[in-house]
Amino acid sequence: MHLAVYIVGIAHYLWLPLVFFPYDSSDRINDDDARTTTAWASTSVRDAMFSRNFALVAFSSWAQLQQLRHHVILAKLRQPPSDTTLMLRTRTNSSGPVYGLPQGGWFQYVSCPHYTAEILVYLSLITSQWSTFPSDKCQFRMGILLFWVVSNLVVNGLQSHHWYLNNIPSYSRLHRRAIIPFLV
C-alpha cells in the first residue's frame, strides 16, 4: 500500500475520539438541562432510552464479532491451502501466485464483509451518541465521521471487488456485491 494510505489511517484513529469530545459548553448537556430532562422524562421514556442504547451496544458488539470473524476467514487464506479452500490463479498470470477465494459467512453475499461490519459498527456508535451530544456542531462532526468512514470503505470495497472480477475468471458466477448485499 501507498504510504499516504497508512498516514491517513493513523490520522483517522488519532482524531476519532475528538469527534465525541465536546469543544465548548454548548456541546454538553448542563446540570439544569439534565434535571429538566429527567424531571419530564417518565420511567417509561428512560427505560426506552436505556433499551435503545443497550440494543445499540449489543448490535455494535455483534458487528465487531462479525468483522473479526471475516478477518479470520481472510487470514486463513494466507496459510497453506486445505482441501476445502478454493484456490484460483489470476487471468493475467496463470503461472503466478495462487489466490484463495474467501468463503463462508457474509462472503456468500459480498466481497468485503469486514467493511460491511465496520460500517455497521460506526453506524451504531454514532446513533447511540447522537442524542448524548445534542449540539449541532457535535452532530455535524459525527455526520462527517460517518460519511468519511462509509465513503472510504465503499471506495476500497469497490476496488477489491473489481480486482476479483478482473483477475479471478469464475468470480462473476458467485453474484457477490462489493459491500452491501444485493445493492453495491
N, C-alpha and C. Protein backbone atom coordinates (compact mmCIF):
# COMPACT_ATOMS: atom_id res chain seq x y z
N MET A 1 0.83 -1.18 0.00
CA MET A 1 0.00 0.00 0.00
C MET A 1 0.87 1.24 0.00
N HIS A 2 0.31 2.30 -0.45
CA HIS A 2 1.00 3.56 -0.51
C HIS A 2 1.14 4.15 0.90
N LEU A 3 2.23 4.85 1.15
CA LEU A 3 2.49 5.45 2.46
C LEU A 3 1.38 6.41 2.88
N ALA A 4 0.80 7.13 1.92
CA ALA A 4 -0.27 8.09 2.24
C ALA A 4 -1.48 7.39 2.86
N VAL A 5 -1.78 6.17 2.42
CA VAL A 5 -2.92 5.43 2.98
C VAL A 5 -2.68 5.13 4.45
N TYR A 6 -1.45 4.75 4.79
CA TYR A 6 -1.13 4.48 6.19
C TYR A 6 -1.22 5.76 7.03
N ILE A 7 -0.73 6.87 6.50
CA ILE A 7 -0.77 8.13 7.23
C ILE A 7 -2.22 8.57 7.47
N VAL A 8 -3.06 8.45 6.45
CA VAL A 8 -4.47 8.82 6.61
C VAL A 8 -5.14 7.89 7.63
N GLY A 9 -4.83 6.61 7.59
CA GLY A 9 -5.40 5.66 8.55
C GLY A 9 -4.99 5.97 9.98
N ILE A 10 -3.74 6.27 10.19
CA ILE A 10 -3.26 6.62 11.53
C ILE A 10 -3.92 7.91 12.00
N ALA A 11 -4.00 8.90 11.12
CA ALA A 11 -4.65 10.17 11.47
C ALA A 11 -6.12 9.95 11.84
N HIS A 12 -6.79 9.09 11.10
CA HIS A 12 -8.21 8.80 11.38
C HIS A 12 -8.38 8.30 12.80
N TYR A 13 -7.58 7.32 13.20
CA TYR A 13 -7.75 6.75 14.53
C TYR A 13 -7.24 7.66 15.64
N LEU A 14 -6.32 8.58 15.33
CA LEU A 14 -5.90 9.56 16.32
C LEU A 14 -6.96 10.64 16.53
N TRP A 15 -7.64 11.05 15.44
CA TRP A 15 -8.64 12.11 15.53
C TRP A 15 -10.04 11.59 15.89
N LEU A 16 -10.26 10.32 15.79
CA LEU A 16 -11.58 9.75 16.05
C LEU A 16 -12.17 10.15 17.41
N PRO A 17 -11.41 10.06 18.51
CA PRO A 17 -12.00 10.45 19.80
C PRO A 17 -12.43 11.91 19.86
N LEU A 18 -11.79 12.78 19.08
CA LEU A 18 -12.14 14.20 19.12
C LEU A 18 -13.54 14.47 18.60
N VAL A 19 -14.09 13.57 17.80
CA VAL A 19 -15.45 13.75 17.30
C VAL A 19 -16.44 13.75 18.46
N PHE A 20 -16.18 12.95 19.46
CA PHE A 20 -17.10 12.81 20.59
C PHE A 20 -16.72 13.70 21.78
N PHE A 21 -15.67 14.47 21.64
CA PHE A 21 -15.21 15.33 22.73
C PHE A 21 -15.83 16.71 22.57
N PRO A 22 -16.61 17.17 23.56
CA PRO A 22 -17.23 18.49 23.44
C PRO A 22 -16.19 19.60 23.50
N TYR A 23 -16.21 20.50 22.55
CA TYR A 23 -15.24 21.58 22.49
C TYR A 23 -15.63 22.77 23.35
N ASP A 24 -16.89 23.01 23.54
CA ASP A 24 -17.32 24.13 24.37
C ASP A 24 -18.58 23.75 25.12
N SER A 25 -19.06 24.67 25.92
CA SER A 25 -20.20 24.36 26.78
C SER A 25 -21.48 24.07 26.00
N SER A 26 -21.58 24.55 24.77
CA SER A 26 -22.81 24.30 24.00
C SER A 26 -22.89 22.85 23.53
N ASP A 27 -21.77 22.13 23.57
CA ASP A 27 -21.76 20.73 23.16
C ASP A 27 -22.18 19.79 24.28
N ARG A 28 -22.28 20.32 25.51
CA ARG A 28 -22.60 19.48 26.66
C ARG A 28 -24.00 19.76 27.16
N ILE A 29 -24.56 18.78 27.79
CA ILE A 29 -25.82 18.99 28.49
C ILE A 29 -25.46 19.46 29.89
N ASN A 30 -25.87 20.68 30.27
CA ASN A 30 -25.51 21.15 31.61
C ASN A 30 -26.45 20.55 32.65
N ASP A 31 -26.14 20.80 33.90
CA ASP A 31 -26.91 20.20 35.00
C ASP A 31 -28.37 20.61 34.98
N ASP A 32 -28.64 21.89 34.65
CA ASP A 32 -30.04 22.35 34.60
C ASP A 32 -30.82 21.60 33.53
N ASP A 33 -30.19 21.44 32.35
CA ASP A 33 -30.86 20.69 31.28
C ASP A 33 -31.08 19.24 31.70
N ALA A 34 -30.09 18.68 32.37
CA ALA A 34 -30.21 17.28 32.78
C ALA A 34 -31.35 17.12 33.79
N ARG A 35 -31.45 18.08 34.75
CA ARG A 35 -32.54 17.98 35.73
C ARG A 35 -33.89 18.17 35.06
N THR A 36 -33.97 19.11 34.14
CA THR A 36 -35.22 19.34 33.42
C THR A 36 -35.59 18.12 32.60
N THR A 37 -34.60 17.54 31.94
CA THR A 37 -34.85 16.37 31.11
C THR A 37 -35.35 15.21 31.96
N THR A 38 -34.67 14.98 33.09
CA THR A 38 -35.10 13.85 33.92
C THR A 38 -36.41 14.14 34.63
N ALA A 39 -36.72 15.42 34.84
CA ALA A 39 -37.98 15.75 35.51
C ALA A 39 -39.18 15.41 34.63
N TRP A 40 -39.08 15.72 33.33
CA TRP A 40 -40.23 15.42 32.46
C TRP A 40 -40.21 13.99 31.96
N ALA A 41 -39.04 13.38 31.99
CA ALA A 41 -38.93 12.03 31.44
C ALA A 41 -39.54 11.03 32.40
N SER A 42 -40.54 10.37 31.95
CA SER A 42 -41.16 9.35 32.79
C SER A 42 -40.28 8.11 32.82
N THR A 43 -40.62 7.22 33.67
CA THR A 43 -39.87 5.98 33.77
C THR A 43 -39.89 5.22 32.45
N SER A 44 -41.02 5.24 31.77
CA SER A 44 -41.10 4.51 30.50
C SER A 44 -40.19 5.12 29.44
N VAL A 45 -40.04 6.45 29.44
CA VAL A 45 -39.15 7.10 28.47
C VAL A 45 -37.70 6.75 28.78
N ARG A 46 -37.34 6.81 30.07
CA ARG A 46 -35.97 6.45 30.45
C ARG A 46 -35.69 4.98 30.15
N ASP A 47 -36.66 4.12 30.39
CA ASP A 47 -36.49 2.70 30.07
C ASP A 47 -36.32 2.50 28.57
N ALA A 48 -37.08 3.25 27.79
CA ALA A 48 -36.97 3.15 26.33
C ALA A 48 -35.59 3.62 25.87
N MET A 49 -35.08 4.71 26.45
CA MET A 49 -33.74 5.20 26.09
C MET A 49 -32.67 4.18 26.48
N PHE A 50 -32.82 3.59 27.68
CA PHE A 50 -31.87 2.57 28.12
C PHE A 50 -31.93 1.37 27.17
N SER A 51 -33.14 0.95 26.84
CA SER A 51 -33.30 -0.20 25.94
C SER A 51 -32.70 0.08 24.57
N ARG A 52 -32.89 1.30 24.08
CA ARG A 52 -32.32 1.67 22.78
C ARG A 52 -30.80 1.62 22.84
N ASN A 53 -30.21 2.22 23.88
CA ASN A 53 -28.76 2.21 23.99
C ASN A 53 -28.22 0.80 24.21
N PHE A 54 -28.92 0.01 24.99
CA PHE A 54 -28.50 -1.37 25.20
C PHE A 54 -28.53 -2.14 23.87
N ALA A 55 -29.60 -1.96 23.11
CA ALA A 55 -29.71 -2.63 21.81
C ALA A 55 -28.60 -2.18 20.87
N LEU A 56 -28.26 -0.89 20.88
CA LEU A 56 -27.19 -0.39 20.01
C LEU A 56 -25.83 -0.93 20.43
N VAL A 57 -25.60 -1.04 21.72
CA VAL A 57 -24.33 -1.62 22.20
C VAL A 57 -24.26 -3.10 21.81
N ALA A 58 -25.36 -3.81 21.98
CA ALA A 58 -25.39 -5.23 21.58
C ALA A 58 -25.17 -5.37 20.07
N PHE A 59 -25.81 -4.51 19.29
CA PHE A 59 -25.65 -4.55 17.84
C PHE A 59 -24.22 -4.23 17.44
N SER A 60 -23.62 -3.24 18.07
CA SER A 60 -22.23 -2.88 17.78
C SER A 60 -21.29 -4.04 18.13
N SER A 61 -21.53 -4.69 19.26
CA SER A 61 -20.70 -5.84 19.65
C SER A 61 -20.84 -6.97 18.65
N TRP A 62 -22.07 -7.23 18.21
CA TRP A 62 -22.29 -8.27 17.21
C TRP A 62 -21.57 -7.92 15.90
N ALA A 63 -21.64 -6.66 15.48
CA ALA A 63 -20.97 -6.24 14.24
C ALA A 63 -19.45 -6.37 14.38
N GLN A 64 -18.92 -6.06 15.56
CA GLN A 64 -17.48 -6.22 15.77
C GLN A 64 -17.07 -7.70 15.72
N LEU A 65 -17.90 -8.56 16.25
CA LEU A 65 -17.62 -10.00 16.15
C LEU A 65 -17.67 -10.47 14.71
N GLN A 66 -18.61 -9.95 13.93
CA GLN A 66 -18.69 -10.30 12.52
C GLN A 66 -17.44 -9.81 11.78
N GLN A 67 -16.98 -8.63 12.12
CA GLN A 67 -15.77 -8.10 11.49
C GLN A 67 -14.58 -9.01 11.81
N LEU A 68 -14.45 -9.39 13.06
CA LEU A 68 -13.38 -10.30 13.47
C LEU A 68 -13.50 -11.63 12.74
N ARG A 69 -14.71 -12.17 12.69
CA ARG A 69 -14.96 -13.46 12.02
C ARG A 69 -14.48 -13.43 10.57
N HIS A 70 -14.77 -12.35 9.86
CA HIS A 70 -14.40 -12.29 8.46
C HIS A 70 -12.92 -11.98 8.26
N HIS A 71 -12.31 -11.28 9.22
CA HIS A 71 -10.85 -11.11 9.17
C HIS A 71 -10.15 -12.44 9.39
N VAL A 72 -10.71 -13.28 10.24
CA VAL A 72 -10.13 -14.60 10.48
C VAL A 72 -10.23 -15.44 9.20
N ILE A 73 -11.36 -15.38 8.52
CA ILE A 73 -11.52 -16.12 7.26
C ILE A 73 -10.46 -15.65 6.26
N LEU A 74 -10.26 -14.34 6.17
CA LEU A 74 -9.24 -13.82 5.24
C LEU A 74 -7.83 -14.22 5.67
N ALA A 75 -7.57 -14.20 6.97
CA ALA A 75 -6.24 -14.57 7.47
C ALA A 75 -5.93 -16.03 7.18
N LYS A 76 -6.93 -16.89 7.24
CA LYS A 76 -6.71 -18.32 6.97
C LYS A 76 -6.33 -18.57 5.51
N LEU A 77 -6.64 -17.62 4.64
CA LEU A 77 -6.25 -17.79 3.23
C LEU A 77 -4.74 -17.66 3.05
N ARG A 78 -4.05 -17.06 4.00
CA ARG A 78 -2.61 -16.91 3.91
C ARG A 78 -1.88 -18.18 4.35
N GLN A 79 -2.58 -19.09 5.00
CA GLN A 79 -1.98 -20.35 5.42
C GLN A 79 -1.93 -21.30 4.23
N PRO A 80 -1.12 -22.36 4.33
CA PRO A 80 -1.12 -23.34 3.24
C PRO A 80 -2.54 -23.86 3.01
N PRO A 81 -2.94 -24.02 1.75
CA PRO A 81 -4.33 -24.39 1.44
C PRO A 81 -4.71 -25.75 1.99
N SER A 82 -5.95 -25.82 2.47
CA SER A 82 -6.51 -27.10 2.89
C SER A 82 -7.35 -27.63 1.72
N ASP A 83 -7.91 -28.79 1.90
CA ASP A 83 -8.72 -29.38 0.83
C ASP A 83 -10.00 -28.59 0.59
N THR A 84 -10.46 -27.84 1.58
CA THR A 84 -11.72 -27.11 1.43
C THR A 84 -11.53 -25.70 0.89
N THR A 85 -10.26 -25.24 0.79
CA THR A 85 -10.01 -23.88 0.30
C THR A 85 -10.04 -23.87 -1.22
N LEU A 86 -10.81 -22.98 -1.78
CA LEU A 86 -10.88 -22.82 -3.22
C LEU A 86 -9.72 -21.96 -3.67
N MET A 87 -8.76 -22.55 -4.38
CA MET A 87 -7.57 -21.83 -4.82
C MET A 87 -7.68 -21.58 -6.32
N LEU A 88 -7.39 -20.34 -6.71
CA LEU A 88 -7.52 -19.94 -8.11
C LEU A 88 -6.31 -19.15 -8.55
N ARG A 89 -5.99 -19.26 -9.82
CA ARG A 89 -4.95 -18.43 -10.41
C ARG A 89 -5.63 -17.25 -11.08
N THR A 90 -4.90 -16.16 -11.21
CA THR A 90 -5.47 -14.99 -11.86
C THR A 90 -5.47 -15.16 -13.37
N ARG A 91 -6.29 -14.37 -14.04
CA ARG A 91 -6.34 -14.40 -15.50
C ARG A 91 -5.03 -13.96 -16.12
N THR A 92 -4.40 -12.95 -15.55
CA THR A 92 -3.23 -12.34 -16.16
C THR A 92 -1.95 -13.17 -16.00
N ASN A 93 -1.88 -14.02 -15.00
CA ASN A 93 -0.64 -14.75 -14.78
C ASN A 93 -0.97 -16.17 -14.34
N SER A 94 -1.14 -17.05 -15.29
CA SER A 94 -1.53 -18.42 -14.97
C SER A 94 -0.42 -19.22 -14.30
N SER A 95 0.81 -18.74 -14.37
CA SER A 95 1.90 -19.44 -13.69
C SER A 95 2.31 -18.73 -12.40
N GLY A 96 1.65 -17.63 -12.07
CA GLY A 96 1.99 -16.84 -10.89
C GLY A 96 1.36 -17.39 -9.62
N PRO A 97 1.22 -16.51 -8.65
CA PRO A 97 0.70 -16.96 -7.35
C PRO A 97 -0.75 -17.43 -7.44
N VAL A 98 -1.07 -18.31 -6.52
CA VAL A 98 -2.42 -18.84 -6.44
C VAL A 98 -3.12 -18.09 -5.31
N TYR A 99 -4.35 -17.63 -5.57
CA TYR A 99 -5.11 -16.87 -4.59
C TYR A 99 -6.24 -17.72 -4.03
N GLY A 100 -6.43 -17.61 -2.72
CA GLY A 100 -7.56 -18.28 -2.09
C GLY A 100 -8.79 -17.41 -2.21
N LEU A 101 -9.90 -18.01 -2.48
CA LEU A 101 -11.16 -17.29 -2.59
C LEU A 101 -11.88 -17.39 -1.25
N PRO A 102 -12.13 -16.26 -0.59
CA PRO A 102 -12.80 -16.35 0.71
C PRO A 102 -14.20 -16.91 0.60
N GLN A 103 -14.53 -17.79 1.52
CA GLN A 103 -15.85 -18.43 1.53
C GLN A 103 -16.36 -18.50 2.96
N GLY A 104 -17.67 -18.54 3.10
CA GLY A 104 -18.29 -18.65 4.42
C GLY A 104 -18.75 -17.30 4.93
N GLY A 105 -19.63 -17.32 5.88
CA GLY A 105 -20.14 -16.09 6.46
C GLY A 105 -20.82 -15.21 5.42
N TRP A 106 -20.55 -13.93 5.51
CA TRP A 106 -21.16 -12.97 4.58
C TRP A 106 -20.47 -12.96 3.23
N PHE A 107 -19.39 -13.73 3.08
CA PHE A 107 -18.71 -13.79 1.78
C PHE A 107 -19.60 -14.37 0.69
N GLN A 108 -20.66 -15.05 1.06
CA GLN A 108 -21.56 -15.55 0.03
C GLN A 108 -22.37 -14.41 -0.60
N TYR A 109 -22.41 -13.24 0.07
CA TYR A 109 -23.18 -12.10 -0.44
C TYR A 109 -22.31 -10.95 -0.95
N VAL A 110 -21.18 -10.71 -0.29
CA VAL A 110 -20.34 -9.56 -0.64
C VAL A 110 -18.87 -9.94 -0.67
N SER A 111 -18.09 -9.14 -1.38
CA SER A 111 -16.65 -9.37 -1.48
C SER A 111 -15.91 -8.90 -0.23
N CYS A 112 -16.44 -7.89 0.45
CA CYS A 112 -15.75 -7.29 1.59
C CYS A 112 -16.67 -7.21 2.81
N PRO A 113 -17.04 -8.34 3.41
CA PRO A 113 -17.95 -8.29 4.55
C PRO A 113 -17.33 -7.63 5.78
N HIS A 114 -16.01 -7.63 5.89
CA HIS A 114 -15.37 -6.95 7.01
C HIS A 114 -15.60 -5.44 6.92
N TYR A 115 -15.71 -4.90 5.71
CA TYR A 115 -16.06 -3.48 5.54
C TYR A 115 -17.52 -3.24 5.90
N THR A 116 -18.38 -4.16 5.51
CA THR A 116 -19.80 -4.04 5.87
C THR A 116 -19.95 -4.00 7.38
N ALA A 117 -19.26 -4.88 8.08
CA ALA A 117 -19.34 -4.93 9.53
C ALA A 117 -18.79 -3.65 10.16
N GLU A 118 -17.72 -3.11 9.60
CA GLU A 118 -17.16 -1.87 10.16
C GLU A 118 -18.13 -0.70 9.99
N ILE A 119 -18.80 -0.64 8.85
CA ILE A 119 -19.81 0.40 8.65
C ILE A 119 -20.92 0.26 9.69
N LEU A 120 -21.34 -0.97 9.97
CA LEU A 120 -22.37 -1.19 10.98
C LEU A 120 -21.90 -0.78 12.37
N VAL A 121 -20.63 -1.02 12.68
CA VAL A 121 -20.08 -0.61 13.98
C VAL A 121 -20.15 0.91 14.12
N TYR A 122 -19.69 1.62 13.10
CA TYR A 122 -19.71 3.09 13.18
C TYR A 122 -21.14 3.62 13.20
N LEU A 123 -22.02 3.02 12.43
CA LEU A 123 -23.41 3.46 12.40
C LEU A 123 -24.05 3.32 13.78
N SER A 124 -23.82 2.20 14.45
CA SER A 124 -24.40 2.01 15.78
C SER A 124 -23.75 2.93 16.81
N LEU A 125 -22.45 3.14 16.70
CA LEU A 125 -21.76 4.03 17.63
C LEU A 125 -22.30 5.46 17.50
N ILE A 126 -22.40 5.93 16.30
CA ILE A 126 -22.86 7.31 16.09
C ILE A 126 -24.34 7.45 16.44
N THR A 127 -25.14 6.44 16.14
CA THR A 127 -26.56 6.50 16.51
C THR A 127 -26.73 6.56 18.02
N SER A 128 -25.92 5.81 18.75
CA SER A 128 -26.04 5.82 20.21
C SER A 128 -25.58 7.15 20.81
N GLN A 129 -24.67 7.82 20.16
CA GLN A 129 -24.15 9.09 20.67
C GLN A 129 -24.93 10.31 20.20
N TRP A 130 -25.76 10.13 19.19
CA TRP A 130 -26.44 11.26 18.56
C TRP A 130 -27.24 12.09 19.56
N SER A 131 -27.96 11.44 20.46
CA SER A 131 -28.76 12.20 21.43
C SER A 131 -27.97 12.60 22.67
N THR A 132 -26.80 12.00 22.87
CA THR A 132 -25.98 12.34 24.02
C THR A 132 -25.34 13.72 23.85
N PHE A 133 -24.97 14.03 22.62
CA PHE A 133 -24.37 15.33 22.30
C PHE A 133 -25.34 16.09 21.42
N PRO A 134 -26.23 16.90 22.01
CA PRO A 134 -27.31 17.49 21.24
C PRO A 134 -26.92 18.69 20.38
N SER A 135 -25.71 19.24 20.53
CA SER A 135 -25.40 20.44 19.77
C SER A 135 -25.23 20.09 18.29
N ASP A 136 -25.54 21.08 17.47
CA ASP A 136 -25.41 20.89 16.02
C ASP A 136 -23.97 20.64 15.61
N LYS A 137 -23.02 21.27 16.33
CA LYS A 137 -21.61 21.08 15.99
C LYS A 137 -21.17 19.64 16.20
N CYS A 138 -21.56 19.06 17.32
CA CYS A 138 -21.18 17.67 17.61
C CYS A 138 -21.85 16.73 16.61
N GLN A 139 -23.12 16.95 16.35
CA GLN A 139 -23.82 16.09 15.40
C GLN A 139 -23.24 16.24 14.00
N PHE A 140 -22.82 17.43 13.64
CA PHE A 140 -22.19 17.65 12.34
C PHE A 140 -20.89 16.86 12.25
N ARG A 141 -20.08 16.91 13.33
CA ARG A 141 -18.82 16.16 13.33
C ARG A 141 -19.07 14.66 13.22
N MET A 142 -20.10 14.17 13.90
CA MET A 142 -20.43 12.74 13.82
C MET A 142 -20.91 12.38 12.41
N GLY A 143 -21.68 13.26 11.80
CA GLY A 143 -22.13 13.03 10.43
C GLY A 143 -20.96 12.99 9.45
N ILE A 144 -20.01 13.89 9.64
CA ILE A 144 -18.81 13.90 8.79
C ILE A 144 -18.01 12.61 8.98
N LEU A 145 -17.88 12.18 10.24
CA LEU A 145 -17.16 10.93 10.51
C LEU A 145 -17.84 9.76 9.80
N LEU A 146 -19.14 9.65 9.92
CA LEU A 146 -19.86 8.55 9.26
C LEU A 146 -19.70 8.63 7.75
N PHE A 147 -19.81 9.82 7.18
CA PHE A 147 -19.62 9.98 5.73
C PHE A 147 -18.22 9.55 5.33
N TRP A 148 -17.20 9.97 6.10
CA TRP A 148 -15.81 9.62 5.80
C TRP A 148 -15.61 8.10 5.82
N VAL A 149 -16.10 7.45 6.86
CA VAL A 149 -15.90 6.01 7.01
C VAL A 149 -16.61 5.26 5.89
N VAL A 150 -17.88 5.60 5.65
CA VAL A 150 -18.65 4.89 4.62
C VAL A 150 -18.05 5.12 3.24
N SER A 151 -17.72 6.35 2.90
CA SER A 151 -17.17 6.61 1.56
C SER A 151 -15.82 5.93 1.38
N ASN A 152 -14.98 5.97 2.39
CA ASN A 152 -13.67 5.32 2.31
C ASN A 152 -13.81 3.80 2.13
N LEU A 153 -14.68 3.20 2.92
CA LEU A 153 -14.84 1.74 2.83
C LEU A 153 -15.54 1.31 1.53
N VAL A 154 -16.47 2.11 1.05
CA VAL A 154 -17.14 1.77 -0.21
C VAL A 154 -16.13 1.84 -1.36
N VAL A 155 -15.30 2.89 -1.40
CA VAL A 155 -14.30 3.01 -2.47
C VAL A 155 -13.34 1.83 -2.43
N ASN A 156 -12.81 1.51 -1.24
CA ASN A 156 -11.87 0.38 -1.12
C ASN A 156 -12.56 -0.95 -1.43
N GLY A 157 -13.81 -1.10 -0.99
CA GLY A 157 -14.54 -2.33 -1.29
C GLY A 157 -14.80 -2.50 -2.79
N LEU A 158 -15.14 -1.41 -3.47
CA LEU A 158 -15.35 -1.48 -4.92
C LEU A 158 -14.06 -1.84 -5.64
N GLN A 159 -12.93 -1.28 -5.19
CA GLN A 159 -11.64 -1.62 -5.80
C GLN A 159 -11.32 -3.11 -5.62
N SER A 160 -11.55 -3.62 -4.42
CA SER A 160 -11.30 -5.05 -4.17
C SER A 160 -12.23 -5.92 -5.01
N HIS A 161 -13.48 -5.53 -5.06
CA HIS A 161 -14.47 -6.29 -5.85
C HIS A 161 -14.08 -6.32 -7.33
N HIS A 162 -13.67 -5.16 -7.85
CA HIS A 162 -13.26 -5.12 -9.26
C HIS A 162 -11.99 -5.93 -9.51
N TRP A 163 -11.10 -5.98 -8.52
CA TRP A 163 -9.91 -6.81 -8.68
C TRP A 163 -10.33 -8.27 -8.81
N TYR A 164 -11.22 -8.72 -7.93
CA TYR A 164 -11.71 -10.10 -8.02
C TYR A 164 -12.35 -10.36 -9.39
N LEU A 165 -13.20 -9.45 -9.83
CA LEU A 165 -13.89 -9.63 -11.11
C LEU A 165 -12.92 -9.67 -12.28
N ASN A 166 -11.89 -8.84 -12.23
CA ASN A 166 -10.93 -8.76 -13.35
C ASN A 166 -9.88 -9.86 -13.33
N ASN A 167 -9.61 -10.44 -12.18
CA ASN A 167 -8.50 -11.39 -12.08
C ASN A 167 -8.88 -12.83 -11.80
N ILE A 168 -10.05 -13.06 -11.26
CA ILE A 168 -10.49 -14.43 -10.96
C ILE A 168 -11.56 -14.79 -12.00
N PRO A 169 -11.27 -15.69 -12.93
CA PRO A 169 -12.19 -15.96 -14.04
C PRO A 169 -13.61 -16.35 -13.63
N SER A 170 -13.76 -17.13 -12.59
CA SER A 170 -15.10 -17.62 -12.24
C SER A 170 -15.80 -16.76 -11.19
N TYR A 171 -15.23 -15.63 -10.84
CA TYR A 171 -15.78 -14.83 -9.74
C TYR A 171 -17.16 -14.26 -10.05
N SER A 172 -17.41 -13.89 -11.26
CA SER A 172 -18.70 -13.27 -11.60
C SER A 172 -19.86 -14.25 -11.40
N ARG A 173 -19.60 -15.54 -11.46
CA ARG A 173 -20.67 -16.53 -11.26
C ARG A 173 -21.14 -16.60 -9.81
N LEU A 174 -20.37 -16.03 -8.90
CA LEU A 174 -20.75 -16.05 -7.49
C LEU A 174 -21.83 -15.02 -7.16
N HIS A 175 -22.02 -14.03 -8.03
CA HIS A 175 -23.04 -12.99 -7.87
C HIS A 175 -22.90 -12.23 -6.57
N ARG A 176 -21.67 -11.97 -6.17
CA ARG A 176 -21.43 -11.18 -4.97
C ARG A 176 -21.46 -9.70 -5.32
N ARG A 177 -21.81 -8.89 -4.34
CA ARG A 177 -21.70 -7.44 -4.45
C ARG A 177 -20.44 -7.00 -3.72
N ALA A 178 -20.10 -5.74 -3.79
CA ALA A 178 -18.86 -5.27 -3.16
C ALA A 178 -19.01 -5.19 -1.63
N ILE A 179 -20.00 -4.44 -1.15
CA ILE A 179 -20.13 -4.21 0.29
C ILE A 179 -21.51 -4.43 0.83
N ILE A 180 -22.52 -3.92 0.14
CA ILE A 180 -23.89 -4.00 0.63
C ILE A 180 -24.61 -5.10 -0.16
N PRO A 181 -25.05 -6.16 0.51
CA PRO A 181 -25.71 -7.26 -0.20
C PRO A 181 -26.85 -6.78 -1.08
N PHE A 182 -26.88 -7.30 -2.28
CA PHE A 182 -27.94 -7.06 -3.28
C PHE A 182 -27.94 -5.62 -3.82
N LEU A 183 -27.06 -4.72 -3.35
CA LEU A 183 -27.07 -3.33 -3.83
C LEU A 183 -25.73 -2.90 -4.43
N VAL A 184 -24.74 -2.72 -3.59
CA VAL A 184 -23.44 -2.18 -4.04
C VAL A 184 -22.38 -3.25 -3.90
